[in-house]
């Protein structure tokens, strides 16, 4: 990095936040195809040890980028928690943020523009983020269930969004997050619940039975075939029982599905979110084809999509938690 940069810090030259920076190598363009495999006309990661079931192709990237923008509108900012306070510019200091399961890296890129004095690291198992990020961004590739490469107490914030479908042991991951965070550092989690709900609290099984059947099959297949439990709503408890964090604050946001709201802003949000959920349903075909109801995969998907369009008042629940490292 240019030492004349107003946000330059000496540690940027040697990446002192890492214990193993000498081991980092750039993926050559001709090596990129090795990280993907095609199944059923969709592109998936080729990492044999990772249980993450969704594709990583252009259609799925469009869904991820779309959700990134929708979440910002739903939450009201890039993230919950005291992020702006934590990352405020301070002369002589260089804050560091790690984004676990960064995907396309859009959240990192948005944050990097907002906080040009902060160093961001986006981590994933596939190289789908840009190869030409801004100077305060590093995109890195490895399995986040392996030890993180950063030194103990060297990271100011760890952001983890929509990663639970790739995590068999969230408690183990959280211990590693606690290790790399400095005292007072911030952990932020944002996960979608794997079940629909009705905005008025009515019984979703009677109102949207096909949506419930779809998610029943998804949850069962993730548990039986991939060893993945649904933990989104339990993350605040997991964070608390780790005894590594304080000031734990949890919140649940309701994302409207469809244009049933009277409010024009929420109506448009619901339309766009419904589009993202249709993409999600179609991306789940490969996973459902592994499960007990494999022969019903297409019917389950189409049934869910019919409920997305035909059941007013349905919402998706987004569970967030932020906490400080003790």
C-alpha atoms as a PDB file:
ATOM      1  CA  UNK A   1       0.000   0.000   0.000  1.00  0.00           C
ATOM      2  CA  UNK A   2       1.089   3.564  -0.770  1.00  0.00           C
ATOM      3  CA  UNK A   3       2.526   5.216   2.329  1.00  0.00           C
ATOM      4  CA  UNK A   4       1.055   8.526   1.080  1.00  0.00           C
ATOM      5  CA  UNK A   5      -2.442   7.118   1.392  1.00  0.00           C
ATOM      6  CA  UNK A   6      -4.204   9.048   4.210  1.00  0.00           C
ATOM      7  CA  UNK A   7      -5.465   5.746   5.631  1.00  0.00           C
ATOM      8  CA  UNK A   8      -2.125   3.974   5.428  1.00  0.00           C
ATOM      9  CA  UNK A   9      -0.919   2.130   8.516  1.00  0.00           C
ATOM     10  CA  UNK A  10       2.510   0.435   8.765  1.00  0.00           C
ATOM     11  CA  UNK A  11       0.953  -2.921   9.558  1.00  0.00           C
ATOM     12  CA  UNK A  12      -0.632  -2.942   6.090  1.00  0.00           C
ATOM     13  CA  UNK A  13       2.764  -3.746   4.613  1.00  0.00           C
ATOM     14  CA  UNK A  14       3.279  -7.018   6.445  1.00  0.00           C
ATOM     15  CA  UNK A  15      -0.322  -8.048   7.211  1.00  0.00           C
ATOM     16  CA  UNK A  16       0.526  -8.415  10.884  1.00  0.00           C
ATOM     17  CA  UNK A  17      -3.007  -9.563  11.609  1.00  0.00           C
ATOM     18  CA  UNK A  18      -2.046 -12.973  10.241  1.00  0.00           C
ATOM     19  CA  UNK A  19      -0.022 -15.781  11.714  1.00  0.00           C
ATOM     20  CA  UNK A  20       0.505 -17.367   8.312  1.00  0.00           C
ATOM     21  CA  UNK A  21       0.635 -14.574   5.748  1.00  0.00           C
ATOM     22  CA  UNK A  22       3.633 -16.229   4.049  1.00  0.00           C
ATOM     23  CA  UNK A  23       1.334 -19.111   3.101  1.00  0.00           C
ATOM     24  CA  UNK A  24      -1.072 -16.926   1.117  1.00  0.00           C
ATOM     25  CA  UNK A  25      -0.877 -17.409  -2.633  1.00  0.00           C
ATOM     26  CA  UNK A  26      -3.006 -15.956  -5.408  1.00  0.00           C
ATOM     27  CA  UNK A  27      -5.246 -18.345  -7.325  1.00  0.00           C
ATOM     28  CA  UNK A  28      -4.176 -18.347 -10.960  1.00  0.00           C
ATOM     29  CA  UNK A  29      -6.930 -17.857 -13.570  1.00  0.00           C
ATOM     30  CA  UNK A  30      -6.365 -21.325 -15.022  1.00  0.00           C
ATOM     31  CA  UNK A  31      -6.843 -22.870 -11.558  1.00  0.00           C
ATOM     32  CA  UNK A  32     -10.264 -21.323 -10.935  1.00  0.00           C
ATOM     33  CA  UNK A  33     -12.287 -24.084 -12.711  1.00  0.00           C
ATOM     34  CA  UNK A  34     -10.892 -26.612 -10.220  1.00  0.00           C
ATOM     35  CA  UNK A  35     -12.968 -25.023  -7.459  1.00  0.00           C
ATOM     36  CA  UNK A  36     -16.298 -25.758  -9.158  1.00  0.00           C
ATOM     37  CA  UNK A  37     -18.306 -28.741 -10.326  1.00  0.00           C
ATOM     38  CA  UNK A  38     -21.453 -28.920 -12.448  1.00  0.00           C
ATOM     39  CA  UNK A  39     -24.490 -30.924 -11.360  1.00  0.00           C
ATOM     40  CA  UNK A  40     -27.870 -30.850 -13.000  1.00  0.00           C
ATOM     41  CA  UNK A  41     -27.051 -27.775 -15.030  1.00  0.00           C
ATOM     42  CA  UNK A  42     -26.009 -25.735 -11.963  1.00  0.00           C
ATOM     43  CA  UNK A  43     -22.510 -24.872 -10.723  1.00  0.00           C
ATOM     44  CA  UNK A  44     -21.470 -25.884  -7.184  1.00  0.00           C
ATOM     45  CA  UNK A  45     -18.329 -25.685  -5.082  1.00  0.00           C
ATOM     46  CA  UNK A  46     -16.013 -28.689  -5.330  1.00  0.00           C
ATOM     47  CA  UNK A  47     -14.772 -28.635  -1.716  1.00  0.00           C
ATOM     48  CA  UNK A  48     -15.532 -32.162  -0.578  1.00  0.00           C
ATOM     49  CA  UNK A  49     -15.548 -31.403   3.146  1.00  0.00           C
ATOM     50  CA  UNK A  50     -17.954 -28.463   3.097  1.00  0.00           C
ATOM     51  CA  UNK A  51     -21.675 -29.257   3.465  1.00  0.00           C
ATOM     52  CA  UNK A  52     -22.907 -25.976   1.914  1.00  0.00           C
ATOM     53  CA  UNK A  53     -25.670 -27.095  -0.495  1.00  0.00           C
ATOM     54  CA  UNK A  54     -26.499 -24.084  -2.681  1.00  0.00           C
ATOM     55  CA  UNK A  55     -25.077 -23.409  -6.141  1.00  0.00           C
ATOM     56  CA  UNK A  56     -22.470 -20.704  -6.715  1.00  0.00           C
ATOM     57  CA  UNK A  57     -23.369 -19.838 -10.301  1.00  0.00           C
ATOM     58  CA  UNK A  58     -24.580 -16.570 -11.828  1.00  0.00           C
ATOM     59  CA  UNK A  59     -28.211 -17.121 -10.833  1.00  0.00           C
ATOM     60  CA  UNK A  60     -27.286 -17.745  -7.198  1.00  0.00           C
ATOM     61  CA  UNK A  61     -24.912 -14.777  -7.209  1.00  0.00           C
ATOM     62  CA  UNK A  62     -27.801 -12.611  -8.390  1.00  0.00           C
ATOM     63  CA  UNK A  63     -29.835 -13.845  -5.418  1.00  0.00           C
ATOM     64  CA  UNK A  64     -27.010 -13.131  -2.973  1.00  0.00           C
ATOM     65  CA  UNK A  65     -26.453  -9.624  -4.317  1.00  0.00           C
ATOM     66  CA  UNK A  66     -30.179  -8.957  -4.332  1.00  0.00           C
ATOM     67  CA  UNK A  67     -30.542 -10.089  -0.728  1.00  0.00           C
ATOM     68  CA  UNK A  68     -27.620  -7.896   0.274  1.00  0.00           C
ATOM     69  CA  UNK A  69     -29.474  -4.792  -0.894  1.00  0.00           C
ATOM     70  CA  UNK A  70     -32.819  -5.933   0.515  1.00  0.00           C
ATOM     71  CA  UNK A  71     -31.316  -6.636   3.921  1.00  0.00           C
ATOM     72  CA  UNK A  72     -29.811  -3.177   4.074  1.00  0.00           C
ATOM     73  CA  UNK A  73     -33.250  -1.699   3.448  1.00  0.00           C
ATOM     74  CA  UNK A  74     -34.878  -4.046   5.958  1.00  0.00           C
ATOM     75  CA  UNK A  75     -32.335  -3.423   8.724  1.00  0.00           C
ATOM     76  CA  UNK A  76     -31.739   0.221   7.893  1.00  0.00           C
ATOM     77  CA  UNK A  77     -27.960   0.003   7.574  1.00  0.00           C
ATOM     78  CA  UNK A  78     -25.160  -2.294   6.446  1.00  0.00           C
ATOM     79  CA  UNK A  79     -25.321  -4.176   9.750  1.00  0.00           C
ATOM     80  CA  UNK A  80     -26.918  -4.247  13.163  1.00  0.00           C
ATOM     81  CA  UNK A  81     -24.911  -3.193  16.200  1.00  0.00           C
ATOM     82  CA  UNK A  82     -22.498  -0.351  17.006  1.00  0.00           C
ATOM     83  CA  UNK A  83     -20.561  -0.800  13.770  1.00  0.00           C
ATOM     84  CA  UNK A  84     -20.176   2.874  12.905  1.00  0.00           C
ATOM     85  CA  UNK A  85     -18.892   3.649  16.369  1.00  0.00           C
ATOM     86  CA  UNK A  86     -16.430   0.775  16.264  1.00  0.00           C
ATOM     87  CA  UNK A  87     -15.106   1.576  12.800  1.00  0.00           C
ATOM     88  CA  UNK A  88     -14.927   5.351  13.135  1.00  0.00           C
ATOM     89  CA  UNK A  89     -11.672   6.813  11.832  1.00  0.00           C
ATOM     90  CA  UNK A  90      -8.991   7.197  14.502  1.00  0.00           C
ATOM     91  CA  UNK A  91      -5.536   8.565  13.520  1.00  0.00           C
ATOM     92  CA  UNK A  92      -2.785   5.968  13.851  1.00  0.00           C
ATOM     93  CA  UNK A  93      -5.189   3.015  14.086  1.00  0.00           C
ATOM     94  CA  UNK A  94      -6.211   0.488  11.455  1.00  0.00           C
ATOM     95  CA  UNK A  95      -9.405  -1.411  12.178  1.00  0.00           C
ATOM     96  CA  UNK A  96      -9.806  -4.895  10.709  1.00  0.00           C
ATOM     97  CA  UNK A  97     -13.023  -6.663   9.773  1.00  0.00           C
ATOM     98  CA  UNK A  98     -13.494 -10.299   8.697  1.00  0.00           C
ATOM     99  CA  UNK A  99     -16.577 -11.358   6.724  1.00  0.00           C
ATOM    100  CA  UNK A 100     -17.151 -15.107   6.999  1.00  0.00           C
ATOM    101  CA  UNK A 101     -18.813 -16.795   4.016  1.00  0.00           C
ATOM    102  CA  UNK A 102     -18.450 -13.647   1.952  1.00  0.00           C
ATOM    103  CA  UNK A 103     -19.902 -15.143  -1.249  1.00  0.00           C
ATOM    104  CA  UNK A 104     -19.854 -12.503  -3.966  1.00  0.00           C
ATOM    105  CA  UNK A 105     -18.211 -10.102  -1.501  1.00  0.00           C
ATOM    106  CA  UNK A 106     -20.853  -7.428  -2.052  1.00  0.00           C
ATOM    107  CA  UNK A 107     -21.236  -6.643   1.671  1.00  0.00           C
ATOM    108  CA  UNK A 108     -17.473  -6.222   1.954  1.00  0.00           C
ATOM    109  CA  UNK A 109     -17.324  -3.970  -1.100  1.00  0.00           C
ATOM    110  CA  UNK A 110     -20.163  -1.801   0.214  1.00  0.00           C
ATOM    111  CA  UNK A 111     -18.511  -1.522   3.626  1.00  0.00           C
ATOM    112  CA  UNK A 112     -15.104  -0.803   2.108  1.00  0.00           C
ATOM    113  CA  UNK A 113     -16.530   2.206   0.286  1.00  0.00           C
ATOM    114  CA  UNK A 114     -18.226   3.422   3.456  1.00  0.00           C
ATOM    115  CA  UNK A 115     -15.121   2.906   5.631  1.00  0.00           C
ATOM    116  CA  UNK A 116     -12.058   3.411   3.399  1.00  0.00           C
ATOM    117  CA  UNK A 117      -9.765   3.564   6.447  1.00  0.00           C
ATOM    118  CA  UNK A 118     -10.726   0.007   7.511  1.00  0.00           C
ATOM    119  CA  UNK A 119      -9.113  -3.203   6.235  1.00  0.00           C
ATOM    120  CA  UNK A 120     -11.665  -5.849   5.191  1.00  0.00           C
ATOM    121  CA  UNK A 121     -11.078  -9.577   4.683  1.00  0.00           C
ATOM    122  CA  UNK A 122     -13.764 -11.595   2.881  1.00  0.00           C
ATOM    123  CA  UNK A 123     -13.463 -15.373   3.293  1.00  0.00           C
ATOM    124  CA  UNK A 124     -15.169 -18.124   1.282  1.00  0.00           C
ATOM    125  CA  UNK A 125     -14.465 -21.557  -0.201  1.00  0.00           C
ATOM    126  CA  UNK A 126     -14.935 -20.467  -3.821  1.00  0.00           C
ATOM    127  CA  UNK A 127     -13.389 -17.607  -5.811  1.00  0.00           C
ATOM    128  CA  UNK A 128     -16.573 -15.825  -6.928  1.00  0.00           C
ATOM    129  CA  UNK A 129     -15.748 -12.369  -5.513  1.00  0.00           C
ATOM    130  CA  UNK A 130     -13.989  -9.864  -7.766  1.00  0.00           C
ATOM    131  CA  UNK A 131     -10.313 -10.455  -8.462  1.00  0.00           C
ATOM    132  CA  UNK A 132      -9.761  -6.684  -8.458  1.00  0.00           C
ATOM    133  CA  UNK A 133     -11.054  -5.372  -5.128  1.00  0.00           C
ATOM    134  CA  UNK A 134     -10.331  -1.897  -3.733  1.00  0.00           C
ATOM    135  CA  UNK A 135      -7.037  -1.443  -1.896  1.00  0.00           C
ATOM    136  CA  UNK A 136      -8.563  -1.906   1.563  1.00  0.00           C
ATOM    137  CA  UNK A 137     -10.071  -5.318   0.701  1.00  0.00           C
ATOM    138  CA  UNK A 138      -8.593  -8.824   0.607  1.00  0.00           C
ATOM    139  CA  UNK A 139     -10.685 -11.733  -0.635  1.00  0.00           C
ATOM    140  CA  UNK A 140      -9.354 -15.033   0.689  1.00  0.00           C
ATOM    141  CA  UNK A 141     -10.327 -18.620   0.091  1.00  0.00           C
ATOM    142  CA  UNK A 142     -10.485 -21.369   2.685  1.00  0.00           C
ATOM    143  CA  UNK A 143     -12.983 -23.363   4.739  1.00  0.00           C
ATOM    144  CA  UNK A 144     -14.170 -21.257   7.691  1.00  0.00           C
ATOM    145  CA  UNK A 145     -14.548 -24.419   9.777  1.00  0.00           C
ATOM    146  CA  UNK A 146     -10.778 -24.731   9.727  1.00  0.00           C
ATOM    147  CA  UNK A 147      -8.701 -22.471  12.027  1.00  0.00           C
ATOM    148  CA  UNK A 148      -8.837 -18.875  10.860  1.00  0.00           C
ATOM    149  CA  UNK A 149      -5.466 -17.599   9.687  1.00  0.00           C
ATOM    150  CA  UNK A 150      -5.545 -14.412  11.797  1.00  0.00           C
ATOM    151  CA  UNK A 151      -3.569 -13.986  14.995  1.00  0.00           C
ATOM    152  CA  UNK A 152      -5.296 -14.031  18.373  1.00  0.00           C
ATOM    153  CA  UNK A 153      -6.812 -10.692  19.341  1.00  0.00           C
ATOM    154  CA  UNK A 154      -6.023  -9.022  15.991  1.00  0.00           C
ATOM    155  CA  UNK A 155      -9.511  -8.498  14.522  1.00  0.00           C
ATOM    156  CA  UNK A 156     -11.946  -5.725  15.473  1.00  0.00           C
ATOM    157  CA  UNK A 157     -15.121  -7.171  13.982  1.00  0.00           C
ATOM    158  CA  UNK A 158     -16.289 -10.525  12.634  1.00  0.00           C
ATOM    159  CA  UNK A 159     -19.386 -10.499  10.443  1.00  0.00           C
ATOM    160  CA  UNK A 160     -21.191 -13.785   9.738  1.00  0.00           C
ATOM    161  CA  UNK A 161     -24.274 -13.701   7.528  1.00  0.00           C
ATOM    162  CA  UNK A 162     -26.162 -16.632   5.996  1.00  0.00           C
ATOM    163  CA  UNK A 163     -23.452 -19.147   6.844  1.00  0.00           C
ATOM    164  CA  UNK A 164     -25.331 -21.753   8.910  1.00  0.00           C
ATOM    165  CA  UNK A 165     -26.037 -24.017   5.918  1.00  0.00           C
ATOM    166  CA  UNK A 166     -22.290 -24.571   5.724  1.00  0.00           C
ATOM    167  CA  UNK A 167     -21.621 -25.027   9.462  1.00  0.00           C
ATOM    168  CA  UNK A 168     -22.036 -28.325  11.291  1.00  0.00           C
ATOM    169  CA  UNK A 169     -20.667 -27.051  14.621  1.00  0.00           C
ATOM    170  CA  UNK A 170     -21.541 -23.413  15.258  1.00  0.00           C
ATOM    171  CA  UNK A 171     -20.112 -23.548  18.767  1.00  0.00           C
ATOM    172  CA  UNK A 172     -16.680 -24.509  17.438  1.00  0.00           C
ATOM    173  CA  UNK A 173     -16.787 -21.692  14.912  1.00  0.00           C
ATOM    174  CA  UNK A 174     -17.737 -19.243  17.639  1.00  0.00           C
ATOM    175  CA  UNK A 175     -14.720 -20.255  19.725  1.00  0.00           C
ATOM    176  CA  UNK A 176     -12.471 -19.440  16.782  1.00  0.00           C
ATOM    177  CA  UNK A 177     -14.251 -16.119  16.279  1.00  0.00           C
ATOM    178  CA  UNK A 178     -13.640 -15.308  19.942  1.00  0.00           C
ATOM    179  CA  UNK A 179      -9.962 -16.168  19.571  1.00  0.00           C
ATOM    180  CA  UNK A 180      -9.285 -13.747  16.732  1.00  0.00           C
ATOM    181  CA  UNK A 181     -11.364 -10.885  18.139  1.00  0.00           C
ATOM    182  CA  UNK A 182      -9.618  -8.343  20.313  1.00  0.00           C
ATOM    183  CA  UNK A 183     -11.124  -7.508  23.703  1.00  0.00           C
ATOM    184  CA  UNK A 184     -14.134  -5.320  23.022  1.00  0.00           C
ATOM    185  CA  UNK A 185     -14.284  -6.522  19.411  1.00  0.00           C
ATOM    186  CA  UNK A 186     -17.672  -7.006  17.794  1.00  0.00           C
ATOM    187  CA  UNK A 187     -19.333 -10.185  16.545  1.00  0.00           C
ATOM    188  CA  UNK A 188     -22.366  -9.796  14.260  1.00  0.00           C
ATOM    189  CA  UNK A 189     -24.564 -12.660  13.071  1.00  0.00           C
ATOM    190  CA  UNK A 190     -27.455 -12.451  10.610  1.00  0.00           C
ATOM    191  CA  UNK A 191     -29.320 -15.625   9.644  1.00  0.00           C
ATOM    192  CA  UNK A 192     -32.603 -16.420   7.948  1.00  0.00           C
ATOM    193  CA  UNK A 193     -34.919 -18.819   9.727  1.00  0.00           C
ATOM    194  CA  UNK A 194     -35.672 -21.977   7.757  1.00  0.00           C
ATOM    195  CA  UNK A 195     -39.412 -21.688   8.079  1.00  0.00           C
ATOM    196  CA  UNK A 196     -42.069 -19.228   6.902  1.00  0.00           C
ATOM    197  CA  UNK A 197     -44.345 -17.285   9.239  1.00  0.00           C
ATOM    198  CA  UNK A 198     -47.513 -15.204   9.000  1.00  0.00           C
ATOM    199  CA  UNK A 199     -47.237 -11.535   9.808  1.00  0.00           C
ATOM    200  CA  UNK A 200     -50.458 -11.597  11.842  1.00  0.00           C
ATOM    201  CA  UNK A 201     -49.331 -14.582  13.926  1.00  0.00           C
ATOM    202  CA  UNK A 202     -51.870 -16.986  12.422  1.00  0.00           C
ATOM    203  CA  UNK A 203     -51.085 -20.648  11.819  1.00  0.00           C
ATOM    204  CA  UNK A 204     -48.713 -20.800   8.842  1.00  0.00           C
ATOM    205  CA  UNK A 205     -49.303 -24.537   8.348  1.00  0.00           C
ATOM    206  CA  UNK A 206     -52.967 -24.001   7.601  1.00  0.00           C
ATOM    207  CA  UNK A 207     -52.417 -20.785   5.609  1.00  0.00           C
ATOM    208  CA  UNK A 208     -49.375 -21.880   3.552  1.00  0.00           C
ATOM    209  CA  UNK A 209     -49.166 -25.694   3.672  1.00  0.00           C
ATOM    210  CA  UNK A 210     -47.072 -26.033   0.500  1.00  0.00           C
ATOM    211  CA  UNK A 211     -44.483 -23.567   1.804  1.00  0.00           C
ATOM    212  CA  UNK A 212     -44.295 -25.543   5.045  1.00  0.00           C
ATOM    213  CA  UNK A 213     -43.902 -28.834   3.174  1.00  0.00           C
ATOM    214  CA  UNK A 214     -41.012 -27.352   1.181  1.00  0.00           C
ATOM    215  CA  UNK A 215     -39.173 -26.167   4.298  1.00  0.00           C
ATOM    216  CA  UNK A 216     -39.907 -29.409   6.169  1.00  0.00           C
ATOM    217  CA  UNK A 217     -38.128 -31.270   3.363  1.00  0.00           C
ATOM    218  CA  UNK A 218     -35.238 -28.784   3.285  1.00  0.00           C
ATOM    219  CA  UNK A 219     -34.679 -29.010   7.041  1.00  0.00           C
ATOM    220  CA  UNK A 220     -34.879 -32.799   7.059  1.00  0.00           C
ATOM    221  CA  UNK A 221     -32.490 -33.192   4.136  1.00  0.00           C
ATOM    222  CA  UNK A 222     -29.975 -30.754   5.635  1.00  0.00           C
ATOM    223  CA  UNK A 223     -30.069 -32.645   8.931  1.00  0.00           C
ATOM    224  CA  UNK A 224     -29.987 -36.202   7.572  1.00  0.00           C
ATOM    225  CA  UNK A 225     -27.779 -35.798   4.501  1.00  0.00           C
ATOM    226  CA  UNK A 226     -25.507 -32.898   5.499  1.00  0.00           C
ATOM    227  CA  UNK A 227     -25.472 -32.957   9.304  1.00  0.00           C
ATOM    228  CA  UNK A 228     -26.785 -29.371   9.434  1.00  0.00           C
ATOM    229  CA  UNK A 229     -29.213 -28.315  12.151  1.00  0.00           C
ATOM    230  CA  UNK A 230     -31.340 -25.174  12.049  1.00  0.00           C
ATOM    231  CA  UNK A 231     -29.732 -22.840  14.610  1.00  0.00           C
ATOM    232  CA  UNK A 232     -30.640 -19.306  13.482  1.00  0.00           C
ATOM    233  CA  UNK A 233     -33.010 -18.574  16.354  1.00  0.00           C
ATOM    234  CA  UNK A 234     -30.672 -20.219  18.903  1.00  0.00           C
ATOM    235  CA  UNK A 235     -27.515 -18.235  18.081  1.00  0.00           C
ATOM    236  CA  UNK A 236     -28.049 -15.674  20.895  1.00  0.00           C
ATOM    237  CA  UNK A 237     -28.143 -18.582  23.369  1.00  0.00           C
ATOM    238  CA  UNK A 238     -25.048 -20.175  21.838  1.00  0.00           C
ATOM    239  CA  UNK A 239     -23.206 -16.856  22.035  1.00  0.00           C
ATOM    240  CA  UNK A 240     -24.221 -16.463  25.677  1.00  0.00           C
ATOM    241  CA  UNK A 241     -23.284 -19.945  26.799  1.00  0.00           C
ATOM    242  CA  UNK A 242     -19.814 -19.564  25.278  1.00  0.00           C
ATOM    243  CA  UNK A 243     -19.008 -17.049  28.028  1.00  0.00           C
ATOM    244  CA  UNK A 244     -16.735 -15.254  25.559  1.00  0.00           C
ATOM    245  CA  UNK A 245     -19.083 -12.337  24.878  1.00  0.00           C
ATOM    246  CA  UNK A 246     -20.996  -9.604  26.644  1.00  0.00           C
ATOM    247  CA  UNK A 247     -23.593  -6.983  25.680  1.00  0.00           C
ATOM    248  CA  UNK A 248     -25.469  -9.596  23.662  1.00  0.00           C
ATOM    249  CA  UNK A 249     -28.392  -8.077  21.761  1.00  0.00           C
ATOM    250  CA  UNK A 250     -30.754 -10.089  19.579  1.00  0.00           C
ATOM    251  CA  UNK A 251     -33.493  -8.978  17.228  1.00  0.00           C
ATOM    252  CA  UNK A 252     -35.817 -10.571  14.691  1.00  0.00           C
ATOM    253  CA  UNK A 253     -36.749  -8.727  11.488  1.00  0.00           C
ATOM    254  CA  UNK A 254     -39.774  -9.648   9.381  1.00  0.00           C
ATOM    255  CA  UNK A 255     -39.221  -9.546   5.629  1.00  0.00           C
ATOM    256  CA  UNK A 256     -42.497  -9.314   3.693  1.00  0.00           C
ATOM    257  CA  UNK A 257     -43.014 -11.806   0.876  1.00  0.00           C
ATOM    258  CA  UNK A 258     -45.194 -10.394  -1.876  1.00  0.00           C
ATOM    259  CA  UNK A 259     -46.988  -7.110  -2.485  1.00  0.00           C
ATOM    260  CA  UNK A 260     -49.709  -7.426   0.164  1.00  0.00           C
ATOM    261  CA  UNK A 261     -48.538  -4.409   2.232  1.00  0.00           C
ATOM    262  CA  UNK A 262     -50.438  -1.124   1.886  1.00  0.00           C
ATOM    263  CA  UNK A 263     -47.239   0.842   2.488  1.00  0.00           C
ATOM    264  CA  UNK A 264     -45.630   1.378  -0.960  1.00  0.00           C
ATOM    265  CA  UNK A 265     -42.072   0.987   0.371  1.00  0.00           C
ATOM    266  CA  UNK A 266     -42.858  -2.347   2.027  1.00  0.00           C
ATOM    267  CA  UNK A 267     -44.895  -3.405  -0.989  1.00  0.00           C
ATOM    268  CA  UNK A 268     -41.863  -2.954  -3.257  1.00  0.00           C
ATOM    269  CA  UNK A 269     -39.603  -4.680  -0.707  1.00  0.00           C
ATOM    270  CA  UNK A 270     -42.034  -7.610  -0.651  1.00  0.00           C
ATOM    271  CA  UNK A 271     -42.090  -7.881  -4.430  1.00  0.00           C
ATOM    272  CA  UNK A 272     -38.311  -7.984  -4.630  1.00  0.00           C
ATOM    273  CA  UNK A 273     -37.980 -10.384  -1.729  1.00  0.00           C
ATOM    274  CA  UNK A 274     -40.476 -12.766  -3.322  1.00  0.00           C
ATOM    275  CA  UNK A 275     -38.266 -12.811  -6.418  1.00  0.00           C
ATOM    276  CA  UNK A 276     -35.262 -13.739  -4.259  1.00  0.00           C
ATOM    277  CA  UNK A 277     -37.236 -16.539  -2.582  1.00  0.00           C
ATOM    278  CA  UNK A 278     -38.222 -17.984  -5.968  1.00  0.00           C
ATOM    279  CA  UNK A 279     -34.517 -18.117  -6.861  1.00  0.00           C
ATOM    280  CA  UNK A 280     -33.796 -19.716  -3.470  1.00  0.00           C
ATOM    281  CA  UNK A 281     -36.435 -22.399  -4.064  1.00  0.00           C
ATOM    282  CA  UNK A 282     -34.986 -23.318  -7.440  1.00  0.00           C
ATOM    283  CA  UNK A 283     -31.458 -23.357  -5.999  1.00  0.00           C
ATOM    284  CA  UNK A 284     -32.630 -25.972  -3.477  1.00  0.00           C
ATOM    285  CA  UNK A 285     -33.474 -28.557  -6.125  1.00  0.00           C
ATOM    286  CA  UNK A 286     -30.109 -30.350  -5.929  1.00  0.00           C
ATOM    287  CA  UNK A 287     -30.329 -30.648  -2.137  1.00  0.00           C
ATOM    288  CA  UNK A 288     -33.916 -31.899  -2.172  1.00  0.00           C
ATOM    289  CA  UNK A 289     -32.922 -34.496  -4.768  1.00  0.00           C
ATOM    290  CA  UNK A 290     -30.629 -36.047  -2.135  1.00  0.00           C
ATOM    291  CA  UNK A 291     -33.362 -36.515   0.450  1.00  0.00           C
ATOM    292  CA  UNK A 292     -36.135 -38.910   1.337  1.00  0.00           C
ATOM    293  CA  UNK A 293     -38.569 -36.960  -0.841  1.00  0.00           C
ATOM    294  CA  UNK A 294     -36.261 -36.738  -3.854  1.00  0.00           C
ATOM    295  CA  UNK A 295     -38.961 -37.801  -6.317  1.00  0.00           C
ATOM    296  CA  UNK A 296     -41.125 -34.932  -5.067  1.00  0.00           C
ATOM    297  CA  UNK A 297     -38.429 -32.249  -5.357  1.00  0.00           C
ATOM    298  CA  UNK A 298     -39.970 -30.427  -8.316  1.00  0.00           C
ATOM    299  CA  UNK A 299     -43.467 -30.586  -6.840  1.00  0.00           C
ATOM    300  CA  UNK A 300     -42.230 -29.245  -3.484  1.00  0.00           C
ATOM    301  CA  UNK A 301     -40.479 -26.337  -5.200  1.00  0.00           C
ATOM    302  CA  UNK A 302     -43.430 -25.437  -7.415  1.00  0.00           C
ATOM    303  CA  UNK A 303     -45.828 -25.752  -4.479  1.00  0.00           C
ATOM    304  CA  UNK A 304     -43.738 -23.326  -2.441  1.00  0.00           C
ATOM    305  CA  UNK A 305     -43.619 -20.872  -5.350  1.00  0.00           C
ATOM    306  CA  UNK A 306     -47.415 -21.036  -5.682  1.00  0.00           C
ATOM    307  CA  UNK A 307     -47.750 -20.133  -1.988  1.00  0.00           C
ATOM    308  CA  UNK A 308     -45.243 -17.297  -2.443  1.00  0.00           C
ATOM    309  CA  UNK A 309     -47.570 -15.792  -5.045  1.00  0.00           C
ATOM    310  CA  UNK A 310     -50.896 -16.824  -3.564  1.00  0.00           C
ATOM    311  CA  UNK A 311     -50.691 -16.403   0.226  1.00  0.00           C
ATOM    312  CA  UNK A 312     -50.840 -12.784   1.441  1.00  0.00           C
ATOM    313  CA  UNK A 313     -49.269 -11.931   4.771  1.00  0.00           C
ATOM    314  CA  UNK A 314     -46.375 -14.413   4.614  1.00  0.00           C
ATOM    315  CA  UNK A 315     -43.002 -13.266   5.941  1.00  0.00           C
ATOM    316  CA  UNK A 316     -39.484 -14.619   6.360  1.00  0.00           C
ATOM    317  CA  UNK A 317     -37.778 -14.152   9.697  1.00  0.00           C
ATOM    318  CA  UNK A 318     -34.265 -12.747   9.866  1.00  0.00           C
ATOM    319  CA  UNK A 319     -32.508 -13.333  13.184  1.00  0.00           C
ATOM    320  CA  UNK A 320     -29.672 -10.989  14.142  1.00  0.00           C
ATOM    321  CA  UNK A 321     -27.373 -10.826  17.124  1.00  0.00           C
ATOM    322  CA  UNK A 322     -24.408  -8.657  17.987  1.00  0.00           C
ATOM    323  CA  UNK A 323     -22.095  -8.994  20.967  1.00  0.00           C
ATOM    324  CA  UNK A 324     -18.810  -7.683  22.309  1.00  0.00           C
ATOM    325  CA  UNK A 325     -15.802  -9.868  23.081  1.00  0.00           C
ATOM    326  CA  UNK A 326     -15.074  -9.884  26.822  1.00  0.00           C
END
